[in-house]
PDB file of all heavy atoms in Angstrom:
ATOM      1  N   THR A   1     -15.131  10.258  -4.012  1.00  0.00           N
ATOM      2  CA  THR A   1     -14.868  10.905  -5.304  1.00  0.00           C
ATOM      3  C   THR A   1     -14.060  10.019  -6.249  1.00  0.00           C
ATOM      4  O   THR A   1     -13.967  10.309  -7.435  1.00  0.00           O
ATOM      5  CB  THR A   1     -14.120  12.231  -5.111  1.00  0.00           C
ATOM      6  OG1 THR A   1     -12.988  12.017  -4.247  1.00  0.00           O
ATOM      7  CG2 THR A   1     -15.012  13.285  -4.511  1.00  0.00           C
ATOM      8  N   GLY A   2     -13.457   8.939  -5.736  1.00  0.00           N
ATOM      9  CA  GLY A   2     -12.704   8.040  -6.596  1.00  0.00           C
ATOM     10  C   GLY A   2     -11.206   8.237  -6.518  1.00  0.00           C
ATOM     11  O   GLY A   2     -10.507   8.082  -7.521  1.00  0.00           O
ATOM     12  N   LYS A   3     -10.703   8.527  -5.324  1.00  0.00           N
ATOM     13  CA  LYS A   3      -9.263   8.769  -5.192  1.00  0.00           C
ATOM     14  C   LYS A   3      -8.439   7.498  -5.441  1.00  0.00           C
ATOM     15  O   LYS A   3      -7.371   7.553  -6.044  1.00  0.00           O
ATOM     16  CB  LYS A   3      -8.957   9.351  -3.797  1.00  0.00           C
ATOM     17  CG  LYS A   3      -9.579  10.730  -3.555  1.00  0.00           C
ATOM     18  CD  LYS A   3      -9.185  11.308  -2.224  1.00  0.00           C
ATOM     19  CE  LYS A   3      -9.792  10.583  -1.053  1.00  0.00           C
ATOM     20  NZ  LYS A   3     -11.283  10.645  -1.028  1.00  0.00           N
ATOM     21  N   GLU A   4      -8.959   6.345  -4.988  1.00  0.00           N
ATOM     22  CA  GLU A   4      -8.216   5.109  -5.250  1.00  0.00           C
ATOM     23  C   GLU A   4      -8.208   4.798  -6.751  1.00  0.00           C
ATOM     24  O   GLU A   4      -7.199   4.309  -7.285  1.00  0.00           O
ATOM     25  CB  GLU A   4      -8.801   3.939  -4.471  1.00  0.00           C
ATOM     26  CG  GLU A   4      -8.027   2.644  -4.721  1.00  0.00           C
ATOM     27  CD  GLU A   4      -8.383   1.495  -3.798  1.00  0.00           C
ATOM     28  OE1 GLU A   4      -9.030   1.747  -2.752  1.00  0.00           O
ATOM     29  OE2 GLU A   4      -8.026   0.351  -4.120  1.00  0.00           O
ATOM     30  N   LEU A   5      -9.298   5.078  -7.426  1.00  0.00           N
ATOM     31  CA  LEU A   5      -9.344   4.884  -8.876  1.00  0.00           C
ATOM     32  C   LEU A   5      -8.301   5.775  -9.555  1.00  0.00           C
ATOM     33  O   LEU A   5      -7.630   5.344 -10.511  1.00  0.00           O
ATOM     34  CB  LEU A   5     -10.732   5.221  -9.391  1.00  0.00           C
ATOM     35  CG  LEU A   5     -11.124   4.647 -10.769  1.00  0.00           C
ATOM     36  CD1 LEU A   5     -11.093   3.125 -10.738  1.00  0.00           C
ATOM     37  CD2 LEU A   5     -12.508   5.134 -11.153  1.00  0.00           C
ATOM     38  N   ALA A   6      -8.140   7.009  -9.060  1.00  0.00           N
ATOM     39  CA  ALA A   6      -7.124   7.908  -9.601  1.00  0.00           C
ATOM     40  C   ALA A   6      -5.732   7.368  -9.336  1.00  0.00           C
ATOM     41  O   ALA A   6      -4.849   7.429 -10.197  1.00  0.00           O
ATOM     42  CB  ALA A   6      -7.276   9.293  -8.980  1.00  0.00           C
ATOM     43  N   ALA A   7      -5.512   6.822  -8.142  1.00  0.00           N
ATOM     44  CA  ALA A   7      -4.216   6.240  -7.811  1.00  0.00           C
ATOM     45  C   ALA A   7      -3.895   5.051  -8.714  1.00  0.00           C
ATOM     46  O   ALA A   7      -2.752   4.871  -9.167  1.00  0.00           O
ATOM     47  CB  ALA A   7      -4.203   5.807  -6.342  1.00  0.00           C
ATOM     48  N   ARG A   8      -4.900   4.244  -8.998  1.00  0.00           N
ATOM     49  CA  ARG A   8      -4.691   3.093  -9.885  1.00  0.00           C
ATOM     50  C   ARG A   8      -4.386   3.535 -11.309  1.00  0.00           C
ATOM     51  O   ARG A   8      -3.622   2.896 -12.031  1.00  0.00           O
ATOM     52  CB  ARG A   8      -5.920   2.174  -9.867  1.00  0.00           C
ATOM     53  CG  ARG A   8      -6.088   1.413  -8.549  1.00  0.00           C
ATOM     54  CD  ARG A   8      -7.297   0.488  -8.564  1.00  0.00           C
ATOM     55  NE  ARG A   8      -7.466  -0.195  -7.285  1.00  0.00           N
ATOM     56  CZ  ARG A   8      -6.851  -1.329  -6.955  1.00  0.00           C
ATOM     57  NH1 ARG A   8      -6.041  -1.918  -7.836  1.00  0.00           N
ATOM     58  NH2 ARG A   8      -7.059  -1.881  -5.776  1.00  0.00           N
ATOM     59  N   GLU A   9      -4.993   4.657 -11.728  1.00  0.00           N
ATOM     60  CA  GLU A   9      -4.688   5.190 -13.059  1.00  0.00           C
ATOM     61  C   GLU A   9      -3.223   5.592 -13.138  1.00  0.00           C
ATOM     62  O   GLU A   9      -2.549   5.320 -14.155  1.00  0.00           O
ATOM     63  CB  GLU A   9      -5.577   6.395 -13.343  1.00  0.00           C
ATOM     64  CG  GLU A   9      -5.384   6.999 -14.731  1.00  0.00           C
ATOM     65  CD  GLU A   9      -5.803   6.072 -15.847  1.00  0.00           C
ATOM     66  OE1 GLU A   9      -6.758   5.290 -15.661  1.00  0.00           O
ATOM     67  OE2 GLU A   9      -5.176   6.115 -16.941  1.00  0.00           O
ATOM     68  N   ILE A  10      -2.697   6.227 -12.096  1.00  0.00           N
ATOM     69  CA  ILE A  10      -1.283   6.597 -12.058  1.00  0.00           C
ATOM     70  C   ILE A  10      -0.415   5.353 -12.177  1.00  0.00           C
ATOM     71  O   ILE A  10       0.561   5.327 -12.932  1.00  0.00           O
ATOM     72  CB  ILE A  10      -0.957   7.342 -10.752  1.00  0.00           C
ATOM     73  CG1 ILE A  10      -1.645   8.716 -10.717  1.00  0.00           C
ATOM     74  CG2 ILE A  10       0.548   7.510 -10.578  1.00  0.00           C
ATOM     75  CD1 ILE A  10      -1.533   9.435  -9.395  1.00  0.00           C
ATOM     76  N   HIS A  11      -0.777   4.314 -11.444  1.00  0.00           N
ATOM     77  CA  HIS A  11       0.025   3.088 -11.446  1.00  0.00           C
ATOM     78  C   HIS A  11      -0.018   2.376 -12.794  1.00  0.00           C
ATOM     79  O   HIS A  11       1.023   2.065 -13.385  1.00  0.00           O
ATOM     80  CB  HIS A  11      -0.492   2.149 -10.350  1.00  0.00           C
ATOM     81  CG  HIS A  11       0.181   0.806 -10.331  1.00  0.00           C
ATOM     82  ND1 HIS A  11       1.456   0.622  -9.861  1.00  0.00           N
ATOM     83  CD2 HIS A  11      -0.250  -0.419 -10.774  1.00  0.00           C
ATOM     84  CE1 HIS A  11       1.799  -0.658  -9.988  1.00  0.00           C
ATOM     85  NE2 HIS A  11       0.770  -1.302 -10.538  1.00  0.00           N
ATOM     86  N   TYR A  12      -1.244   2.142 -13.303  1.00  0.00           N
ATOM     87  CA  TYR A  12      -1.368   1.303 -14.501  1.00  0.00           C
ATOM     88  C   TYR A  12      -1.083   2.050 -15.806  1.00  0.00           C
ATOM     89  O   TYR A  12      -0.950   1.418 -16.851  1.00  0.00           O
ATOM     90  CB  TYR A  12      -2.762   0.664 -14.539  1.00  0.00           C
ATOM     91  CG  TYR A  12      -2.926  -0.392 -13.468  1.00  0.00           C
ATOM     92  CD1 TYR A  12      -3.734  -0.174 -12.350  1.00  0.00           C
ATOM     93  CD2 TYR A  12      -2.245  -1.606 -13.550  1.00  0.00           C
ATOM     94  CE1 TYR A  12      -3.865  -1.129 -11.355  1.00  0.00           C
ATOM     95  CE2 TYR A  12      -2.360  -2.566 -12.574  1.00  0.00           C
ATOM     96  CZ  TYR A  12      -3.162  -2.331 -11.467  1.00  0.00           C
ATOM     97  OH  TYR A  12      -3.286  -3.285 -10.481  1.00  0.00           O
ATOM     98  N   ALA A  13      -0.962   3.368 -15.733  1.00  0.00           N
ATOM     99  CA  ALA A  13      -0.607   4.124 -16.941  1.00  0.00           C
ATOM    100  C   ALA A  13       0.888   4.340 -17.053  1.00  0.00           C
ATOM    101  O   ALA A  13       1.372   4.928 -18.013  1.00  0.00           O
ATOM    102  CB  ALA A  13      -1.317   5.484 -16.940  1.00  0.00           C
ATOM    103  N   GLY A  14       1.642   3.868 -16.072  1.00  0.00           N
ATOM    104  CA  GLY A  14       3.080   4.115 -16.041  1.00  0.00           C
ATOM    105  C   GLY A  14       3.915   2.851 -16.187  1.00  0.00           C
ATOM    106  O   GLY A  14       3.393   1.743 -16.395  1.00  0.00           O
ATOM    107  N   PRO A  15       5.225   2.984 -16.033  1.00  0.00           N
ATOM    108  CA  PRO A  15       6.152   1.847 -16.225  1.00  0.00           C
ATOM    109  C   PRO A  15       6.056   0.787 -15.129  1.00  0.00           C
ATOM    110  O   PRO A  15       6.620  -0.293 -15.279  1.00  0.00           O
ATOM    111  CB  PRO A  15       7.534   2.526 -16.204  1.00  0.00           C
ATOM    112  CG  PRO A  15       7.332   3.805 -15.458  1.00  0.00           C
ATOM    113  CD  PRO A  15       5.947   4.242 -15.784  1.00  0.00           C
ATOM    114  N   ARG A  16       5.342   1.078 -14.022  1.00  0.00           N
ATOM    115  CA  ARG A  16       5.210   0.101 -12.948  1.00  0.00           C
ATOM    116  C   ARG A  16       3.939  -0.755 -13.093  1.00  0.00           C
ATOM    117  O   ARG A  16       3.583  -1.498 -12.171  1.00  0.00           O
ATOM    118  CB  ARG A  16       5.190   0.809 -11.590  1.00  0.00           C
ATOM    119  CG  ARG A  16       6.496   1.535 -11.284  1.00  0.00           C
ATOM    120  CD  ARG A  16       6.412   2.347  -9.991  1.00  0.00           C
ATOM    121  NE  ARG A  16       7.680   2.986  -9.703  1.00  0.00           N
ATOM    122  CZ  ARG A  16       8.621   2.485  -8.913  1.00  0.00           C
ATOM    123  NH1 ARG A  16       8.399   1.345  -8.279  1.00  0.00           N
ATOM    124  NH2 ARG A  16       9.761   3.112  -8.716  1.00  0.00           N
ATOM    125  N   ALA A  17       3.263  -0.649 -14.199  1.00  0.00           N
ATOM    126  CA  ALA A  17       1.954  -1.298 -14.378  1.00  0.00           C
ATOM    127  C   ALA A  17       1.986  -2.800 -14.159  1.00  0.00           C
ATOM    128  O   ALA A  17       1.001  -3.391 -13.696  1.00  0.00           O
ATOM    129  CB  ALA A  17       1.415  -0.991 -15.770  1.00  0.00           C
ATOM    130  N   GLN A  18       3.097  -3.470 -14.468  1.00  0.00           N
ATOM    131  CA  GLN A  18       3.184  -4.922 -14.326  1.00  0.00           C
ATOM    132  C   GLN A  18       3.607  -5.351 -12.926  1.00  0.00           C
ATOM    133  O   GLN A  18       3.668  -6.553 -12.638  1.00  0.00           O
ATOM    134  CB  GLN A  18       4.168  -5.487 -15.352  1.00  0.00           C
ATOM    135  CG  GLN A  18       3.819  -5.178 -16.799  1.00  0.00           C
ATOM    136  CD  GLN A  18       2.417  -5.625 -17.165  1.00  0.00           C
ATOM    137  OE1 GLN A  18       2.011  -6.748 -16.836  1.00  0.00           O
ATOM    138  NE2 GLN A  18       1.666  -4.766 -17.831  1.00  0.00           N
ATOM    139  N   LYS A  19       3.851  -4.381 -12.061  1.00  0.00           N
ATOM    140  CA  LYS A  19       4.237  -4.668 -10.681  1.00  0.00           C
ATOM    141  C   LYS A  19       3.039  -4.455  -9.756  1.00  0.00           C
ATOM    142  O   LYS A  19       2.008  -3.959 -10.164  1.00  0.00           O
ATOM    143  CB  LYS A  19       5.411  -3.763 -10.275  1.00  0.00           C
ATOM    144  CG  LYS A  19       6.681  -3.984 -11.103  1.00  0.00           C
ATOM    145  CD  LYS A  19       7.256  -5.370 -10.887  1.00  0.00           C
ATOM    146  CE  LYS A  19       8.570  -5.538 -11.659  1.00  0.00           C
ATOM    147  NZ  LYS A  19       9.185  -6.863 -11.398  1.00  0.00           N
ATOM    148  N   PRO A  20       3.178  -4.809  -8.475  1.00  0.00           N
ATOM    149  CA  PRO A  20       2.009  -4.762  -7.572  1.00  0.00           C
ATOM    150  C   PRO A  20       1.521  -3.345  -7.270  1.00  0.00           C
ATOM    151  O   PRO A  20       2.302  -2.400  -7.182  1.00  0.00           O
ATOM    152  CB  PRO A  20       2.525  -5.432  -6.291  1.00  0.00           C
ATOM    153  CG  PRO A  20       3.727  -6.208  -6.689  1.00  0.00           C
ATOM    154  CD  PRO A  20       4.349  -5.448  -7.815  1.00  0.00           C
ATOM    155  N   PHE A  21       0.211  -3.243  -7.113  1.00  0.00           N
ATOM    156  CA  PHE A  21      -0.434  -2.043  -6.566  1.00  0.00           C
ATOM    157  C   PHE A  21      -0.983  -2.465  -5.207  1.00  0.00           C
ATOM    158  O   PHE A  21      -1.879  -3.310  -5.138  1.00  0.00           O
ATOM    159  CB  PHE A  21      -1.570  -1.551  -7.468  1.00  0.00           C
ATOM    160  CG  PHE A  21      -2.322  -0.366  -6.927  1.00  0.00           C
ATOM    161  CD1 PHE A  21      -1.925   0.928  -7.216  1.00  0.00           C
ATOM    162  CD2 PHE A  21      -3.439  -0.558  -6.109  1.00  0.00           C
ATOM    163  CE1 PHE A  21      -2.629   2.023  -6.707  1.00  0.00           C
ATOM    164  CE2 PHE A  21      -4.150   0.537  -5.607  1.00  0.00           C
ATOM    165  CZ  PHE A  21      -3.730   1.822  -5.899  1.00  0.00           C
ATOM    166  N   VAL A  22      -0.421  -1.925  -4.129  1.00  0.00           N
ATOM    167  CA  VAL A  22      -0.765  -2.374  -2.777  1.00  0.00           C
ATOM    168  C   VAL A  22      -1.457  -1.241  -2.018  1.00  0.00           C
ATOM    169  O   VAL A  22      -0.821  -0.266  -1.633  1.00  0.00           O
ATOM    170  CB  VAL A  22       0.480  -2.840  -2.012  1.00  0.00           C
ATOM    171  CG1 VAL A  22       0.094  -3.263  -0.582  1.00  0.00           C
ATOM    172  CG2 VAL A  22       1.158  -3.981  -2.745  1.00  0.00           C
ATOM    173  N   PRO A  23      -2.782  -1.338  -1.802  1.00  0.00           N
ATOM    174  CA  PRO A  23      -3.498  -0.303  -1.036  1.00  0.00           C
ATOM    175  C   PRO A  23      -3.459  -0.617   0.457  1.00  0.00           C
ATOM    176  O   PRO A  23      -3.519  -1.780   0.854  1.00  0.00           O
ATOM    177  CB  PRO A  23      -4.925  -0.399  -1.590  1.00  0.00           C
ATOM    178  CG  PRO A  23      -5.062  -1.821  -1.989  1.00  0.00           C
ATOM    179  CD  PRO A  23      -3.706  -2.316  -2.410  1.00  0.00           C
ATOM    180  N   VAL A  24      -3.370   0.433   1.262  1.00  0.00           N
ATOM    181  CA  VAL A  24      -3.407   0.262   2.703  1.00  0.00           C
ATOM    182  C   VAL A  24      -4.241   1.377   3.320  1.00  0.00           C
ATOM    183  O   VAL A  24      -4.094   2.546   2.968  1.00  0.00           O
ATOM    184  CB  VAL A  24      -1.981   0.248   3.308  1.00  0.00           C
ATOM    185  CG1 VAL A  24      -1.182   1.465   2.885  1.00  0.00           C
ATOM    186  CG2 VAL A  24      -2.036   0.162   4.836  1.00  0.00           C
ATOM    187  N   ASN A  25      -5.151   1.009   4.230  1.00  0.00           N
ATOM    188  CA  ASN A  25      -5.952   1.981   4.954  1.00  0.00           C
ATOM    189  C   ASN A  25      -5.151   2.416   6.168  1.00  0.00           C
ATOM    190  O   ASN A  25      -4.992   1.661   7.126  1.00  0.00           O
ATOM    191  CB  ASN A  25      -7.286   1.369   5.376  1.00  0.00           C
ATOM    192  CG  ASN A  25      -8.201   2.366   6.042  1.00  0.00           C
ATOM    193  OD1 ASN A  25      -7.774   3.380   6.585  1.00  0.00           O
ATOM    194  ND2 ASN A  25      -9.490   2.077   5.999  1.00  0.00           N
ATOM    195  N   CYS A  26      -4.666   3.649   6.144  1.00  0.00           N
ATOM    196  CA  CYS A  26      -3.784   4.121   7.230  1.00  0.00           C
ATOM    197  C   CYS A  26      -4.507   4.171   8.574  1.00  0.00           C
ATOM    198  O   CYS A  26      -3.872   4.035   9.626  1.00  0.00           O
ATOM    199  CB  CYS A  26      -3.241   5.515   6.886  1.00  0.00           C
ATOM    200  SG  CYS A  26      -2.124   5.515   5.464  1.00  0.00           S
ATOM    201  N   GLY A  27      -5.829   4.344   8.538  1.00  0.00           N
ATOM    202  CA  GLY A  27      -6.567   4.374   9.783  1.00  0.00           C
ATOM    203  C   GLY A  27      -6.624   3.032  10.483  1.00  0.00           C
ATOM    204  O   GLY A  27      -6.964   2.957  11.672  1.00  0.00           O
ATOM    205  N   ALA A  28      -6.278   1.962   9.761  1.00  0.00           N
ATOM    206  CA  ALA A  28      -6.328   0.622  10.336  1.00  0.00           C
ATOM    207  C   ALA A  28      -4.956   0.137  10.797  1.00  0.00           C
ATOM    208  O   ALA A  28      -4.821  -1.013  11.236  1.00  0.00           O
ATOM    209  CB  ALA A  28      -6.892  -0.358   9.311  1.00  0.00           C
ATOM    210  N   LEU A  29      -3.946   0.984  10.710  1.00  0.00           N
ATOM    211  CA  LEU A  29      -2.599   0.604  11.133  1.00  0.00           C
ATOM    212  C   LEU A  29      -2.422   0.879  12.623  1.00  0.00           C
ATOM    213  O   LEU A  29      -2.375   2.034  13.049  1.00  0.00           O
ATOM    214  CB  LEU A  29      -1.527   1.382  10.344  1.00  0.00           C
ATOM    215  CG  LEU A  29      -1.419   1.060   8.857  1.00  0.00           C
ATOM    216  CD1 LEU A  29      -0.404   1.980   8.195  1.00  0.00           C
ATOM    217  CD2 LEU A  29      -1.007  -0.393   8.645  1.00  0.00           C
ATOM    218  N   PRO A  30      -2.327  -0.161  13.464  1.00  0.00           N
ATOM    219  CA  PRO A  30      -2.164   0.054  14.909  1.00  0.00           C
ATOM    220  C   PRO A  30      -0.753   0.545  15.240  1.00  0.00           C
ATOM    221  O   PRO A  30       0.222   0.102  14.630  1.00  0.00           O
ATOM    222  CB  PRO A  30      -2.428  -1.335  15.500  1.00  0.00           C
ATOM    223  CG  PRO A  30      -2.064  -2.284  14.412  1.00  0.00           C
ATOM    224  CD  PRO A  30      -2.401  -1.581  13.119  1.00  0.00           C
ATOM    225  N   ASP A  31      -0.665   1.459  16.184  1.00  0.00           N
ATOM    226  CA  ASP A  31       0.623   1.996  16.590  1.00  0.00           C
ATOM    227  C   ASP A  31       1.613   0.915  16.980  1.00  0.00           C
ATOM    228  O   ASP A  31       2.795   0.968  16.652  1.00  0.00           O
ATOM    229  CB  ASP A  31       0.459   2.976  17.755  1.00  0.00           C
ATOM    230  CG  ASP A  31       0.507   4.419  17.305  1.00  0.00           C
ATOM    231  OD1 ASP A  31       0.539   4.639  16.072  1.00  0.00           O
ATOM    232  OD2 ASP A  31       0.516   5.323  18.154  1.00  0.00           O
ATOM    233  N   SER A  32       1.120  -0.088  17.692  1.00  0.00           N
ATOM    234  CA  SER A  32       2.012  -1.122  18.213  1.00  0.00           C
ATOM    235  C   SER A  32       2.610  -2.001  17.125  1.00  0.00           C
ATOM    236  O   SER A  32       3.646  -2.654  17.343  1.00  0.00           O
ATOM    237  CB  SER A  32       1.234  -2.003  19.212  1.00  0.00           C
ATOM    238  OG  SER A  32       0.105  -2.605  18.580  1.00  0.00           O
ATOM    239  N   LEU A  33       1.979  -2.007  15.942  1.00  0.00           N
ATOM    240  CA  LEU A  33       2.454  -2.880  14.861  1.00  0.00           C
ATOM    241  C   LEU A  33       2.814  -2.098  13.595  1.00  0.00           C
ATOM    242  O   LEU A  33       2.981  -2.710  12.539  1.00  0.00           O
ATOM    243  CB  LEU A  33       1.389  -3.924  14.539  1.00  0.00           C
ATOM    244  CG  LEU A  33       1.029  -4.920  15.648  1.00  0.00           C
ATOM    245  CD1 LEU A  33      -0.114  -5.813  15.208  1.00  0.00           C
ATOM    246  CD2 LEU A  33       2.246  -5.763  16.027  1.00  0.00           C
ATOM    247  N   ILE A  34       2.941  -0.786  13.697  1.00  0.00           N
ATOM    248  CA  ILE A  34       3.140   0.026  12.487  1.00  0.00           C
ATOM    249  C   ILE A  34       4.392  -0.390  11.719  1.00  0.00           C
ATOM    250  O   ILE A  34       4.359  -0.556  10.498  1.00  0.00           O
ATOM    251  CB  ILE A  34       3.204   1.534  12.830  1.00  0.00           C
ATOM    252  CG1 ILE A  34       3.334   2.362  11.569  1.00  0.00           C
ATOM    253  CG2 ILE A  34       4.277   1.857  13.833  1.00  0.00           C
ATOM    254  CD1 ILE A  34       2.177   2.314  10.631  1.00  0.00           C
ATOM    255  N   GLU A  35       5.499  -0.608  12.411  1.00  0.00           N
ATOM    256  CA  GLU A  35       6.752  -0.974  11.710  1.00  0.00           C
ATOM    257  C   GLU A  35       6.655  -2.381  11.137  1.00  0.00           C
ATOM    258  O   GLU A  35       7.138  -2.644  10.037  1.00  0.00           O
ATOM    259  CB  GLU A  35       7.929  -0.829  12.648  1.00  0.00           C
ATOM    260  CG  GLU A  35       8.222   0.619  13.041  1.00  0.00           C
ATOM    261  CD  GLU A  35       9.500   0.760  13.827  1.00  0.00           C
ATOM    262  OE1 GLU A  35      10.040  -0.265  14.272  1.00  0.00           O
ATOM    263  OE2 GLU A  35       9.958   1.905  13.991  1.00  0.00           O
ATOM    264  N   SER A  36       6.012  -3.289  11.872  1.00  0.00           N
ATOM    265  CA  SER A  36       5.852  -4.643  11.372  1.00  0.00           C
ATOM    266  C   SER A  36       4.946  -4.669  10.151  1.00  0.00           C
ATOM    267  O   SER A  36       5.227  -5.389   9.171  1.00  0.00           O
ATOM    268  CB  SER A  36       5.266  -5.537  12.480  1.00  0.00           C
ATOM    269  OG  SER A  36       5.017  -6.832  11.986  1.00  0.00           O
ATOM    270  N   GLU A  37       3.875  -3.890  10.177  1.00  0.00           N
ATOM    271  CA  GLU A  37       2.947  -3.844   9.041  1.00  0.00           C
ATOM    272  C   GLU A  37       3.629  -3.286   7.791  1.00  0.00           C
ATOM    273  O   GLU A  37       3.446  -3.796   6.684  1.00  0.00           O
ATOM    274  CB  GLU A  37       1.727  -2.999   9.393  1.00  0.00           C
ATOM    275  CG  GLU A  37       0.795  -3.630  10.410  1.00  0.00           C
ATOM    276  CD  GLU A  37      -0.019  -4.755   9.822  1.00  0.00           C
ATOM    277  OE1 GLU A  37      -0.268  -4.746   8.610  1.00  0.00           O
ATOM    278  OE2 GLU A  37      -0.423  -5.654  10.591  1.00  0.00           O
ATOM    279  N   LEU A  38       4.386  -2.224   7.968  1.00  0.00           N
ATOM    280  CA  LEU A  38       5.021  -1.572   6.823  1.00  0.00           C
ATOM    281  C   LEU A  38       6.273  -2.325   6.337  1.00  0.00           C
ATOM    282  O   LEU A  38       6.467  -2.503   5.131  1.00  0.00           O
ATOM    283  CB  LEU A  38       5.396  -0.139   7.169  1.00  0.00           C
ATOM    284  CG  LEU A  38       4.248   0.879   7.262  1.00  0.00           C
ATOM    285  CD1 LEU A  38       4.795   2.243   7.684  1.00  0.00           C
ATOM    286  CD2 LEU A  38       3.506   0.989   5.950  1.00  0.00           C
ATOM    287  N   PHE A  39       7.107  -2.747   7.296  1.00  0.00           N
ATOM    288  CA  PHE A  39       8.431  -3.275   6.927  1.00  0.00           C
ATOM    289  C   PHE A  39       8.603  -4.769   7.156  1.00  0.00           C
ATOM    290  O   PHE A  39       9.637  -5.338   6.813  1.00  0.00           O
ATOM    291  CB  PHE A  39       9.507  -2.525   7.715  1.00  0.00           C
ATOM    292  CG  PHE A  39       9.381  -1.027   7.627  1.00  0.00           C
ATOM    293  CD1 PHE A  39       9.477  -0.230   8.761  1.00  0.00           C
ATOM    294  CD2 PHE A  39       9.144  -0.415   6.401  1.00  0.00           C
ATOM    295  CE1 PHE A  39       9.363   1.147   8.667  1.00  0.00           C
ATOM    296  CE2 PHE A  39       9.008   0.956   6.309  1.00  0.00           C
ATOM    297  CZ  PHE A  39       9.118   1.748   7.448  1.00  0.00           C
ATOM    298  N   GLY A  40       7.602  -5.435   7.733  1.00  0.00           N
ATOM    299  CA  GLY A  40       7.704  -6.859   7.981  1.00  0.00           C
ATOM    300  C   GLY A  40       8.483  -7.177   9.240  1.00  0.00           C
ATOM    301  O   GLY A  40       8.945  -6.275   9.947  1.00  0.00           O
ATOM    302  N   HIS A  41       8.627  -8.460   9.536  1.00  0.00           N
ATOM    303  CA  HIS A  41       9.387  -8.840  10.720  1.00  0.00           C
ATOM    304  C   HIS A  41      10.046 -10.202  10.508  1.00  0.00           C
ATOM    305  O   HIS A  41       9.637 -11.008   9.674  1.00  0.00           O
ATOM    306  CB  HIS A  41       8.472  -8.892  11.962  1.00  0.00           C
ATOM    307  CG  HIS A  41       7.349  -9.876  11.846  1.00  0.00           C
ATOM    308  ND1 HIS A  41       6.056  -9.504  11.530  1.00  0.00           N
ATOM    309  CD2 HIS A  41       7.307 -11.240  12.005  1.00  0.00           C
ATOM    310  CE1 HIS A  41       5.272 -10.568  11.502  1.00  0.00           C
ATOM    311  NE2 HIS A  41       6.009 -11.648  11.781  1.00  0.00           N
ATOM    312  N   ARG A  42      11.100 -10.438  11.304  1.00  0.00           N
ATOM    313  CA  ARG A  42      11.796 -11.715  11.294  1.00  0.00           C
ATOM    314  C   ARG A  42      11.159 -12.648  12.318  1.00  0.00           C
ATOM    315  O   ARG A  42      10.490 -12.207  13.255  1.00  0.00           O
ATOM    316  CB  ARG A  42      13.279 -11.516  11.627  1.00  0.00           C
ATOM    317  CG  ARG A  42      14.024 -10.585  10.686  1.00  0.00           C
ATOM    318  CD  ARG A  42      14.141 -11.171   9.287  1.00  0.00           C
ATOM    319  NE  ARG A  42      14.877 -12.405   9.280  1.00  0.00           N
ATOM    320  CZ  ARG A  42      16.215 -12.474   9.190  1.00  0.00           C
ATOM    321  NH1 ARG A  42      16.952 -11.361   9.095  1.00  0.00           N
ATOM    322  NH2 ARG A  42      16.825 -13.644   9.167  1.00  0.00           N
ATOM    323  N   ARG A  43      11.366 -13.906  12.160  1.00  0.00           N
ATOM    324  CA  ARG A  43      10.855 -14.877  13.128  1.00  0.00           C
ATOM    325  C   ARG A  43      11.465 -14.622  14.508  1.00  0.00           C
ATOM    326  O   ARG A  43      12.653 -14.391  14.637  1.00  0.00           O
ATOM    327  CB  ARG A  43      11.216 -16.286  12.659  1.00  0.00           C
ATOM    328  CG  ARG A  43      10.727 -17.384  13.591  1.00  0.00           C
ATOM    329  CD  ARG A  43      11.138 -18.748  13.076  1.00  0.00           C
ATOM    330  NE  ARG A  43      10.694 -19.798  13.986  1.00  0.00           N
ATOM    331  CZ  ARG A  43      10.963 -21.078  13.830  1.00  0.00           C
ATOM    332  NH1 ARG A  43      11.687 -21.471  12.767  1.00  0.00           N
ATOM    333  NH2 ARG A  43      10.525 -21.964  14.711  1.00  0.00           N
ATOM    334  N   GLY A  44      10.589 -14.602  15.513  1.00  0.00           N
ATOM    335  CA  GLY A  44      11.044 -14.384  16.872  1.00  0.00           C
ATOM    336  C   GLY A  44      11.253 -12.937  17.246  1.00  0.00           C
ATOM    337  O   GLY A  44      11.726 -12.631  18.347  1.00  0.00           O
TER     338      GLY A  44
END
């Protein structure tokens, strides 16, 4: 139906338009790496 297009409209019509729009498919986030994927990780 165009939900991502709607999300992009929210982003680019607002004050955050010049900042990143980062899409993520939640179904592709593995349990073992969920925190690393969302929050990053340090070396080692």
